[in-house]
Amino acid sequence: MAKSYQNIITLEAGKRGGKPCIRGLRITVYDVLSWLADGMTSSEIIEDFPELKAEDISACLSFAADREHGLVSLKTLRDHTVEIEHALLISDHACIEIL
């Protein structure tokens, strides 16, 4: 998957608790994903938040897909420690969620 979000999704410690935001705005990836999950269209989101662009919404989806792809369970960690250590060393976007 192309990393089309790397120049769009930003992380700043003092903004929205350090959560991933869009272009330094106070709108988080979670906000956008929640609006989409609630049934809003990209056009409706942009109408409500004109500072957003269509590529911002696509970037949120790409970012979320990459995070989902990088999630592993604690059992997987125990069963595959060596493989996971290797994956973490070569990955620039690995994320581990303790379930």
PDB file of N, CA and C in Angstrom:
ATOM      1  N   MET A   1       0.847  -1.179   0.000  1.00  0.00           N
ATOM      2  CA  MET A   1       0.000   0.000   0.000  1.00  0.00           C
ATOM      3  C   MET A   1       0.887   1.234   0.000  1.00  0.00           C
ATOM      4  N   ALA A   2       0.563   2.171  -0.819  1.00  0.00           N
ATOM      5  CA  ALA A   2       1.339   3.408  -0.898  1.00  0.00           C
ATOM      6  C   ALA A   2       1.169   4.215   0.382  1.00  0.00           C
ATOM      7  N   LYS A   3       2.221   4.872   0.776  1.00  0.00           N
ATOM      8  CA  LYS A   3       2.193   5.693   1.989  1.00  0.00           C
ATOM      9  C   LYS A   3       1.763   7.117   1.635  1.00  0.00           C
ATOM     10  N   SER A   4       0.616   7.264   1.045  1.00  0.00           N
ATOM     11  CA  SER A   4       0.152   8.562   0.594  1.00  0.00           C
ATOM     12  C   SER A   4      -0.205   9.489   1.754  1.00  0.00           C
ATOM     13  N   TYR A   5      -0.202   8.968   2.963  1.00  0.00           N
ATOM     14  CA  TYR A   5      -0.599   9.777   4.108  1.00  0.00           C
ATOM     15  C   TYR A   5       0.571  10.396   4.861  1.00  0.00           C
ATOM     16  N   GLN A   6       1.780  10.055   4.540  1.00  0.00           N
ATOM     17  CA  GLN A   6       2.917  10.469   5.359  1.00  0.00           C
ATOM     18  C   GLN A   6       3.116  11.974   5.451  1.00  0.00           C
ATOM     19  N   ASN A   7       2.709  12.721   4.472  1.00  0.00           N
ATOM     20  CA  ASN A   7       2.818  14.178   4.539  1.00  0.00           C
ATOM     21  C   ASN A   7       1.519  14.836   4.978  1.00  0.00           C
ATOM     22  N   ILE A   8       0.519  14.026   5.280  1.00  0.00           N
ATOM     23  CA  ILE A   8      -0.793  14.551   5.671  1.00  0.00           C
ATOM     24  C   ILE A   8      -1.081  14.274   7.142  1.00  0.00           C
ATOM     25  N   ILE A   9      -0.823  13.070   7.595  1.00  0.00           N
ATOM     26  CA  ILE A   9      -1.085  12.695   8.980  1.00  0.00           C
ATOM     27  C   ILE A   9       0.097  13.145   9.839  1.00  0.00           C
ATOM     28  N   THR A  10      -0.203  13.936  10.872  1.00  0.00           N
ATOM     29  CA  THR A  10       0.847  14.486  11.727  1.00  0.00           C
ATOM     30  C   THR A  10       0.632  14.068  13.172  1.00  0.00           C
ATOM     31  N   LEU A  11       1.727  14.003  13.906  1.00  0.00           N
ATOM     32  CA  LEU A  11       1.689  13.701  15.341  1.00  0.00           C
ATOM     33  C   LEU A  11       2.408  14.818  16.080  1.00  0.00           C
ATOM     34  N   GLU A  12       1.699  15.455  16.995  1.00  0.00           N
ATOM     35  CA  GLU A  12       2.294  16.523  17.800  1.00  0.00           C
ATOM     36  C   GLU A  12       1.903  16.263  19.250  1.00  0.00           C
ATOM     37  N   ALA A  13       2.899  16.192  20.109  1.00  0.00           N
ATOM     38  CA  ALA A  13       2.664  15.843  21.510  1.00  0.00           C
ATOM     39  C   ALA A  13       1.622  16.736  22.174  1.00  0.00           C
ATOM     40  N   GLY A  14       1.616  18.013  21.893  1.00  0.00           N
ATOM     41  CA  GLY A  14       0.716  18.938  22.561  1.00  0.00           C
ATOM     42  C   GLY A  14      -0.624  19.136  21.887  1.00  0.00           C
ATOM     43  N   LYS A  15      -0.897  18.396  20.858  1.00  0.00           N
ATOM     44  CA  LYS A  15      -2.145  18.592  20.108  1.00  0.00           C
ATOM     45  C   LYS A  15      -2.988  17.326  20.171  1.00  0.00           C
ATOM     46  N   ARG A  16      -4.198  17.470  20.687  1.00  0.00           N
ATOM     47  CA  ARG A  16      -5.159  16.364  20.789  1.00  0.00           C
ATOM     48  C   ARG A  16      -4.543  15.135  21.445  1.00  0.00           C
ATOM     49  N   GLY A  17      -3.725  15.369  22.472  1.00  0.00           N
ATOM     50  CA  GLY A  17      -3.128  14.273  23.234  1.00  0.00           C
ATOM     51  C   GLY A  17      -2.125  13.460  22.448  1.00  0.00           C
ATOM     52  N   GLY A  18      -1.552  14.038  21.400  1.00  0.00           N
ATOM     53  CA  GLY A  18      -0.566  13.322  20.598  1.00  0.00           C
ATOM     54  C   GLY A  18      -1.167  12.344  19.606  1.00  0.00           C
ATOM     55  N   LYS A  19      -2.481  12.395  19.442  1.00  0.00           N
ATOM     56  CA  LYS A  19      -3.142  11.494  18.496  1.00  0.00           C
ATOM     57  C   LYS A  19      -2.867  11.943  17.069  1.00  0.00           C
ATOM     58  N   PRO A  20      -2.924  11.015  16.114  1.00  0.00           N
ATOM     59  CA  PRO A  20      -2.696  11.374  14.709  1.00  0.00           C
ATOM     60  C   PRO A  20      -3.742  12.376  14.223  1.00  0.00           C
ATOM     61  N   CYS A  21      -3.266  13.508  13.731  1.00  0.00           N
ATOM     62  CA  CYS A  21      -4.132  14.577  13.225  1.00  0.00           C
ATOM     63  C   CYS A  21      -3.887  14.784  11.734  1.00  0.00           C
ATOM     64  N   ILE A  22      -4.711  15.599  11.141  1.00  0.00           N
ATOM     65  CA  ILE A  22      -4.609  15.882   9.714  1.00  0.00           C
ATOM     66  C   ILE A  22      -3.923  17.233   9.514  1.00  0.00           C
ATOM     67  N   ARG A  23      -2.778  17.221   8.848  1.00  0.00           N
ATOM     68  CA  ARG A  23      -2.026  18.425   8.478  1.00  0.00           C
ATOM     69  C   ARG A  23      -1.878  19.420   9.615  1.00  0.00           C
ATOM     70  N   GLY A  24      -1.678  18.936  10.824  1.00  0.00           N
ATOM     71  CA  GLY A  24      -1.476  19.827  11.951  1.00  0.00           C
ATOM     72  C   GLY A  24      -2.745  20.475  12.480  1.00  0.00           C
ATOM     73  N   LEU A  25      -3.887  20.147  11.885  1.00  0.00           N
ATOM     74  CA  LEU A  25      -5.167  20.661  12.366  1.00  0.00           C
ATOM     75  C   LEU A  25      -5.544  19.933  13.657  1.00  0.00           C
ATOM     76  N   ARG A  26      -6.575  20.375  14.304  1.00  0.00           N
ATOM     77  CA  ARG A  26      -7.035  19.713  15.522  1.00  0.00           C
ATOM     78  C   ARG A  26      -8.092  18.648  15.207  1.00  0.00           C
ATOM     79  N   ILE A  27      -8.112  18.168  13.982  1.00  0.00           N
ATOM     80  CA  ILE A  27      -9.016  17.099  13.551  1.00  0.00           C
ATOM     81  C   ILE A  27      -8.199  15.820  13.484  1.00  0.00           C
ATOM     82  N   THR A  28      -8.617  14.812  14.259  1.00  0.00           N
ATOM     83  CA  THR A  28      -7.862  13.560  14.316  1.00  0.00           C
ATOM     84  C   THR A  28      -8.329  12.566  13.252  1.00  0.00           C
ATOM     85  N   VAL A  29      -7.477  11.591  13.007  1.00  0.00           N
ATOM     86  CA  VAL A  29      -7.846  10.475  12.129  1.00  0.00           C
ATOM     87  C   VAL A  29      -9.091   9.796  12.703  1.00  0.00           C
ATOM     88  N   TYR A  30      -9.112   9.628  14.023  1.00  0.00           N
ATOM     89  CA  TYR A  30     -10.270   9.012  14.673  1.00  0.00           C
ATOM     90  C   TYR A  30     -11.551   9.785  14.378  1.00  0.00           C
ATOM     91  N   ASP A  31     -11.482  11.122  14.434  1.00  0.00           N
ATOM     92  CA  ASP A  31     -12.671  11.932  14.129  1.00  0.00           C
ATOM     93  C   ASP A  31     -13.215  11.571  12.752  1.00  0.00           C
ATOM     94  N   VAL A  32     -12.339  11.586  11.772  1.00  0.00           N
ATOM     95  CA  VAL A  32     -12.756  11.321  10.384  1.00  0.00           C
ATOM     96  C   VAL A  32     -13.310   9.906  10.244  1.00  0.00           C
ATOM     97  N   LEU A  33     -12.618   8.933  10.822  1.00  0.00           N
ATOM     98  CA  LEU A  33     -13.095   7.548  10.734  1.00  0.00           C
ATOM     99  C   LEU A  33     -14.450   7.385  11.415  1.00  0.00           C
ATOM    100  N   SER A  34     -14.645   8.071  12.527  1.00  0.00           N
ATOM    101  CA  SER A  34     -15.939   8.010  13.232  1.00  0.00           C
ATOM    102  C   SER A  34     -17.056   8.597  12.383  1.00  0.00           C
ATOM    103  N   TRP A  35     -16.775   9.720  11.745  1.00  0.00           N
ATOM    104  CA  TRP A  35     -17.794  10.337  10.892  1.00  0.00           C
ATOM    105  C   TRP A  35     -18.158   9.420   9.733  1.00  0.00           C
ATOM    106  N   LEU A  36     -17.143   8.797   9.132  1.00  0.00           N
ATOM    107  CA  LEU A  36     -17.412   7.860   8.036  1.00  0.00           C
ATOM    108  C   LEU A  36     -18.206   6.660   8.543  1.00  0.00           C
ATOM    109  N   ALA A  37     -17.832   6.145   9.710  1.00  0.00           N
ATOM    110  CA  ALA A  37     -18.543   4.994  10.286  1.00  0.00           C
ATOM    111  C   ALA A  37     -19.989   5.336  10.623  1.00  0.00           C
ATOM    112  N   ASP A  38     -20.230   6.602  10.965  1.00  0.00           N
ATOM    113  CA  ASP A  38     -21.592   7.042  11.265  1.00  0.00           C
ATOM    114  C   ASP A  38     -22.425   7.294  10.012  1.00  0.00           C
ATOM    115  N   GLY A  39     -21.812   7.112   8.843  1.00  0.00           N
ATOM    116  CA  GLY A  39     -22.561   7.225   7.597  1.00  0.00           C
ATOM    117  C   GLY A  39     -22.363   8.513   6.820  1.00  0.00           C
ATOM    118  N   MET A  40     -21.519   9.407   7.336  1.00  0.00           N
ATOM    119  CA  MET A  40     -21.262  10.634   6.581  1.00  0.00           C
ATOM    120  C   MET A  40     -20.446  10.308   5.335  1.00  0.00           C
ATOM    121  N   THR A  41     -20.703  11.015   4.265  1.00  0.00           N
ATOM    122  CA  THR A  41     -19.899  10.858   3.057  1.00  0.00           C
ATOM    123  C   THR A  41     -18.702  11.810   3.147  1.00  0.00           C
ATOM    124  N   SER A  42     -17.723  11.578   2.314  1.00  0.00           N
ATOM    125  CA  SER A  42     -16.569  12.479   2.259  1.00  0.00           C
ATOM    126  C   SER A  42     -17.023  13.900   1.952  1.00  0.00           C
ATOM    127  N   SER A  43     -17.959  14.034   1.044  1.00  0.00           N
ATOM    128  CA  SER A  43     -18.474  15.356   0.679  1.00  0.00           C
ATOM    129  C   SER A  43     -19.130  16.056   1.868  1.00  0.00           C
ATOM    130  N   GLU A  44     -19.875  15.315   2.650  1.00  0.00           N
ATOM    131  CA  GLU A  44     -20.521  15.900   3.831  1.00  0.00           C
ATOM    132  C   GLU A  44     -19.484  16.347   4.868  1.00  0.00           C
ATOM    133  N   ILE A  45     -18.456  15.540   5.043  1.00  0.00           N
ATOM    134  CA  ILE A  45     -17.395  15.901   5.989  1.00  0.00           C
ATOM    135  C   ILE A  45     -16.703  17.179   5.532  1.00  0.00           C
ATOM    136  N   ILE A  46     -16.379  17.244   4.254  1.00  0.00           N
ATOM    137  CA  ILE A  46     -15.701  18.426   3.711  1.00  0.00           C
ATOM    138  C   ILE A  46     -16.614  19.653   3.787  1.00  0.00           C
ATOM    139  N   GLU A  47     -17.900  19.451   3.589  1.00  0.00           N
ATOM    140  CA  GLU A  47     -18.845  20.565   3.710  1.00  0.00           C
ATOM    141  C   GLU A  47     -18.868  21.093   5.147  1.00  0.00           C
ATOM    142  N   ASP A  48     -18.848  20.182   6.125  1.00  0.00           N
ATOM    143  CA  ASP A  48     -18.859  20.586   7.535  1.00  0.00           C
ATOM    144  C   ASP A  48     -17.502  21.123   8.003  1.00  0.00           C
ATOM    145  N   PHE A  49     -16.438  20.637   7.393  1.00  0.00           N
ATOM    146  CA  PHE A  49     -15.076  21.029   7.772  1.00  0.00           C
ATOM    147  C   PHE A  49     -14.311  21.415   6.502  1.00  0.00           C
ATOM    148  N   PRO A  50     -14.551  22.623   5.982  1.00  0.00           N
ATOM    149  CA  PRO A  50     -13.984  23.027   4.694  1.00  0.00           C
ATOM    150  C   PRO A  50     -12.460  23.075   4.666  1.00  0.00           C
ATOM    151  N   GLU A  51     -11.819  23.028   5.838  1.00  0.00           N
ATOM    152  CA  GLU A  51     -10.360  22.984   5.862  1.00  0.00           C
ATOM    153  C   GLU A  51      -9.823  21.617   5.430  1.00  0.00           C
ATOM    154  N   LEU A  52     -10.695  20.621   5.351  1.00  0.00           N
ATOM    155  CA  LEU A  52     -10.299  19.286   4.897  1.00  0.00           C
ATOM    156  C   LEU A  52     -10.448  19.163   3.388  1.00  0.00           C
ATOM    157  N   LYS A  53      -9.637  18.275   2.827  1.00  0.00           N
ATOM    158  CA  LYS A  53      -9.691  17.970   1.395  1.00  0.00           C
ATOM    159  C   LYS A  53      -9.978  16.478   1.233  1.00  0.00           C
ATOM    160  N   ALA A  54     -10.391  16.097   0.057  1.00  0.00           N
ATOM    161  CA  ALA A  54     -10.686  14.684  -0.216  1.00  0.00           C
ATOM    162  C   ALA A  54      -9.467  13.807   0.057  1.00  0.00           C
ATOM    163  N   GLU A  55      -8.259  14.301  -0.282  1.00  0.00           N
ATOM    164  CA  GLU A  55      -7.063  13.494  -0.056  1.00  0.00           C
ATOM    165  C   GLU A  55      -6.764  13.327   1.433  1.00  0.00           C
ATOM    166  N   ASP A  56      -7.256  14.236   2.277  1.00  0.00           N
ATOM    167  CA  ASP A  56      -7.095  14.076   3.723  1.00  0.00           C
ATOM    168  C   ASP A  56      -7.894  12.867   4.213  1.00  0.00           C
ATOM    169  N   ILE A  57      -9.094  12.732   3.697  1.00  0.00           N
ATOM    170  CA  ILE A  57      -9.948  11.614   4.097  1.00  0.00           C
ATOM    171  C   ILE A  57      -9.356  10.299   3.597  1.00  0.00           C
ATOM    172  N   SER A  58      -8.854  10.292   2.374  1.00  0.00           N
ATOM    173  CA  SER A  58      -8.179   9.097   1.850  1.00  0.00           C
ATOM    174  C   SER A  58      -6.953   8.762   2.686  1.00  0.00           C
ATOM    175  N   ALA A  59      -6.233   9.787   3.113  1.00  0.00           N
ATOM    176  CA  ALA A  59      -5.042   9.570   3.941  1.00  0.00           C
ATOM    177  C   ALA A  59      -5.427   8.919   5.270  1.00  0.00           C
ATOM    178  N   CYS A  60      -6.545   9.332   5.845  1.00  0.00           N
ATOM    179  CA  CYS A  60      -7.009   8.717   7.094  1.00  0.00           C
ATOM    180  C   CYS A  60      -7.295   7.231   6.902  1.00  0.00           C
ATOM    181  N   LEU A  61      -7.926   6.904   5.792  1.00  0.00           N
ATOM    182  CA  LEU A  61      -8.224   5.494   5.507  1.00  0.00           C
ATOM    183  C   LEU A  61      -6.948   4.695   5.281  1.00  0.00           C
ATOM    184  N   SER A  62      -5.990   5.255   4.562  1.00  0.00           N
ATOM    185  CA  SER A  62      -4.716   4.566   4.329  1.00  0.00           C
ATOM    186  C   SER A  62      -3.959   4.372   5.634  1.00  0.00           C
ATOM    187  N   PHE A  63      -3.941   5.405   6.465  1.00  0.00           N
ATOM    188  CA  PHE A  63      -3.273   5.327   7.763  1.00  0.00           C
ATOM    189  C   PHE A  63      -3.908   4.233   8.619  1.00  0.00           C
ATOM    190  N   ALA A  64      -5.237   4.216   8.680  1.00  0.00           N
ATOM    191  CA  ALA A  64      -5.941   3.204   9.474  1.00  0.00           C
ATOM    192  C   ALA A  64      -5.686   1.799   8.928  1.00  0.00           C
ATOM    193  N   ALA A  65      -5.653   1.655   7.624  1.00  0.00           N
ATOM    194  CA  ALA A  65      -5.385   0.340   7.024  1.00  0.00           C
ATOM    195  C   ALA A  65      -3.988  -0.142   7.384  1.00  0.00           C
ATOM    196  N   ASP A  66      -3.007   0.757   7.339  1.00  0.00           N
ATOM    197  CA  ASP A  66      -1.647   0.371   7.706  1.00  0.00           C
ATOM    198  C   ASP A  66      -1.551  -0.001   9.182  1.00  0.00           C
ATOM    199  N   ARG A  67      -2.237   0.740  10.042  1.00  0.00           N
ATOM    200  CA  ARG A  67      -2.222   0.406  11.472  1.00  0.00           C
ATOM    201  C   ARG A  67      -2.877  -0.942  11.709  1.00  0.00           C
ATOM    202  N   GLU A  68      -3.986  -1.184  11.057  1.00  0.00           N
ATOM    203  CA  GLU A  68      -4.677  -2.475  11.207  1.00  0.00           C
ATOM    204  C   GLU A  68      -3.781  -3.612  10.730  1.00  0.00           C
ATOM    205  N   HIS A  69      -3.108  -3.389   9.634  1.00  0.00           N
ATOM    206  CA  HIS A  69      -2.212  -4.412   9.093  1.00  0.00           C
ATOM    207  C   HIS A  69      -1.080  -4.732  10.068  1.00  0.00           C
ATOM    208  N   GLY A  70      -0.655  -3.753  10.844  1.00  0.00           N
ATOM    209  CA  GLY A  70       0.458  -3.937  11.758  1.00  0.00           C
ATOM    210  C   GLY A  70       0.083  -4.439  13.139  1.00  0.00           C
ATOM    211  N   LEU A  71      -1.212  -4.586  13.435  1.00  0.00           N
ATOM    212  CA  LEU A  71      -1.629  -5.049  14.755  1.00  0.00           C
ATOM    213  C   LEU A  71      -1.390  -6.543  14.912  1.00  0.00           C
ATOM    214  N   VAL A  72      -0.958  -6.924  16.092  1.00  0.00           N
ATOM    215  CA  VAL A  72      -0.800  -8.348  16.419  1.00  0.00           C
ATOM    216  C   VAL A  72      -1.345  -8.578  17.816  1.00  0.00           C
ATOM    217  N   SER A  73      -1.742  -9.785  18.100  1.00  0.00           N
ATOM    218  CA  SER A  73      -2.248 -10.105  19.433  1.00  0.00           C
ATOM    219  C   SER A  73      -1.100 -10.517  20.345  1.00  0.00           C
ATOM    220  N   LEU A  74      -1.329 -10.486  21.643  1.00  0.00           N
ATOM    221  CA  LEU A  74      -0.317 -10.885  22.614  1.00  0.00           C
ATOM    222  C   LEU A  74       0.075 -12.345  22.423  1.00  0.00           C
ATOM    223  N   LYS A  75      -0.891 -13.211  22.093  1.00  0.00           N
ATOM    224  CA  LYS A  75      -0.581 -14.621  21.852  1.00  0.00           C
ATOM    225  C   LYS A  75       0.381 -14.747  20.677  1.00  0.00           C
ATOM    226  N   THR A  76       0.144 -13.981  19.630  1.00  0.00           N
ATOM    227  CA  THR A  76       1.049 -14.006  18.484  1.00  0.00           C
ATOM    228  C   THR A  76       2.442 -13.566  18.908  1.00  0.00           C
ATOM    229  N   LEU A  77       2.508 -12.576  19.775  1.00  0.00           N
ATOM    230  CA  LEU A  77       3.808 -12.125  20.273  1.00  0.00           C
ATOM    231  C   LEU A  77       4.556 -13.271  20.950  1.00  0.00           C
ATOM    232  N   ARG A  78       3.869 -13.990  21.814  1.00  0.00           N
ATOM    233  CA  ARG A  78       4.507 -15.093  22.536  1.00  0.00           C
ATOM    234  C   ARG A  78       4.937 -16.214  21.589  1.00  0.00           C
ATOM    235  N   ASP A  79       4.100 -16.502  20.614  1.00  0.00           N
ATOM    236  CA  ASP A  79       4.361 -17.635  19.723  1.00  0.00           C
ATOM    237  C   ASP A  79       5.401 -17.338  18.654  1.00  0.00           C
ATOM    238  N   HIS A  80       5.599 -16.068  18.326  1.00  0.00           N
ATOM    239  CA  HIS A  80       6.456 -15.722  17.187  1.00  0.00           C
ATOM    240  C   HIS A  80       7.414 -14.579  17.503  1.00  0.00           C
ATOM    241  N   THR A  81       8.029 -14.620  18.643  1.00  0.00           N
ATOM    242  CA  THR A  81       8.880 -13.527  19.106  1.00  0.00           C
ATOM    243  C   THR A  81       9.977 -13.167  18.112  1.00  0.00           C
ATOM    244  N   VAL A  82      10.701 -14.134  17.592  1.00  0.00           N
ATOM    245  CA  VAL A  82      11.827 -13.850  16.696  1.00  0.00           C
ATOM    246  C   VAL A  82      11.345 -13.186  15.410  1.00  0.00           C
ATOM    247  N   GLU A  83      10.271 -13.725  14.821  1.00  0.00           N
ATOM    248  CA  GLU A  83       9.746 -13.151  13.587  1.00  0.00           C
ATOM    249  C   GLU A  83       9.246 -11.726  13.811  1.00  0.00           C
ATOM    250  N   ILE A  84       8.620 -11.489  14.946  1.00  0.00           N
ATOM    251  CA  ILE A  84       8.087 -10.157  15.241  1.00  0.00           C
ATOM    252  C   ILE A  84       9.215  -9.168  15.469  1.00  0.00           C
ATOM    253  N   GLU A  85      10.236  -9.573  16.196  1.00  0.00           N
ATOM    254  CA  GLU A  85      11.384  -8.688  16.394  1.00  0.00           C
ATOM    255  C   GLU A  85      11.974  -8.277  15.052  1.00  0.00           C
ATOM    256  N   HIS A  86      12.083  -9.217  14.136  1.00  0.00           N
ATOM    257  CA  HIS A  86      12.610  -8.913  12.806  1.00  0.00           C
ATOM    258  C   HIS A  86      11.689  -7.931  12.069  1.00  0.00           C
ATOM    259  N   ALA A  87      10.374  -8.179  12.124  1.00  0.00           N
ATOM    260  CA  ALA A  87       9.413  -7.297  11.445  1.00  0.00           C
ATOM    261  C   ALA A  87       9.478  -5.884  12.011  1.00  0.00           C
ATOM    262  N   LEU A  88       9.620  -5.766  13.323  1.00  0.00           N
ATOM    263  CA  LEU A  88       9.705  -4.438  13.940  1.00  0.00           C
ATOM    264  C   LEU A  88      10.972  -3.709  13.524  1.00  0.00           C
ATOM    265  N   LEU A  89      12.042  -4.445  13.341  1.00  0.00           N
ATOM    266  CA  LEU A  89      13.297  -3.822  12.935  1.00  0.00           C
ATOM    267  C   LEU A  89      13.224  -3.250  11.531  1.00  0.00           C
ATOM    268  N   ILE A  90      12.478  -3.922  10.640  1.00  0.00           N
ATOM    269  CA  ILE A  90      12.447  -3.471   9.247  1.00  0.00           C
ATOM    270  C   ILE A  90      11.229  -2.613   8.924  1.00  0.00           C
ATOM    271  N   SER A  91      10.281  -2.480   9.845  1.00  0.00           N
ATOM    272  CA  SER A  91       9.056  -1.733   9.571  1.00  0.00           C
ATOM    273  C   SER A  91       9.125  -0.333  10.152  1.00  0.00           C
ATOM    274  N   ASP A  92       8.607   0.640   9.388  1.00  0.00           N
ATOM    275  CA  ASP A  92       8.570   2.008   9.891  1.00  0.00           C
ATOM    276  C   ASP A  92       7.193   2.389  10.427  1.00  0.00           C
ATOM    277  N   HIS A  93       6.257   1.426  10.445  1.00  0.00           N
ATOM    278  CA  HIS A  93       4.904   1.755  10.917  1.00  0.00           C
ATOM    279  C   HIS A  93       4.263   0.634  11.719  1.00  0.00           C
ATOM    280  N   ALA A  94       5.069  -0.224  12.344  1.00  0.00           N
ATOM    281  CA  ALA A  94       4.518  -1.320  13.119  1.00  0.00           C
ATOM    282  C   ALA A  94       3.812  -0.782  14.362  1.00  0.00           C
ATOM    283  N   CYS A  95       2.742  -1.433  14.712  1.00  0.00           N
ATOM    284  CA  CYS A  95       1.969  -1.035  15.895  1.00  0.00           C
ATOM    285  C   CYS A  95       1.534  -2.310  16.606  1.00  0.00           C
ATOM    286  N   ILE A  96       1.717  -2.359  17.893  1.00  0.00           N
ATOM    287  CA  ILE A  96       1.325  -3.542  18.650  1.00  0.00           C
ATOM    288  C   ILE A  96       0.187  -3.157  19.585  1.00  0.00           C
ATOM    289  N   GLU A  97      -0.876  -3.918  19.540  1.00  0.00           N
ATOM    290  CA  GLU A  97      -2.008  -3.687  20.437  1.00  0.00           C
ATOM    291  C   GLU A  97      -2.133  -4.869  21.367  1.00  0.00           C
ATOM    292  N   ILE A  98      -2.175  -4.608  22.646  1.00  0.00           N
ATOM    293  CA  ILE A  98      -2.326  -5.689  23.618  1.00  0.00           C
ATOM    294  C   ILE A  98      -3.814  -5.942  23.791  1.00  0.00           C
ATOM    295  N   LEU A  99      -4.236  -7.154  23.441  1.00  0.00           N
ATOM    296  CA  LEU A  99      -5.651  -7.510  23.490  1.00  0.00           C
ATOM    297  C   LEU A  99      -5.987  -8.241  24.769  1.00  0.00           C
TER     298      LEU A  99
END
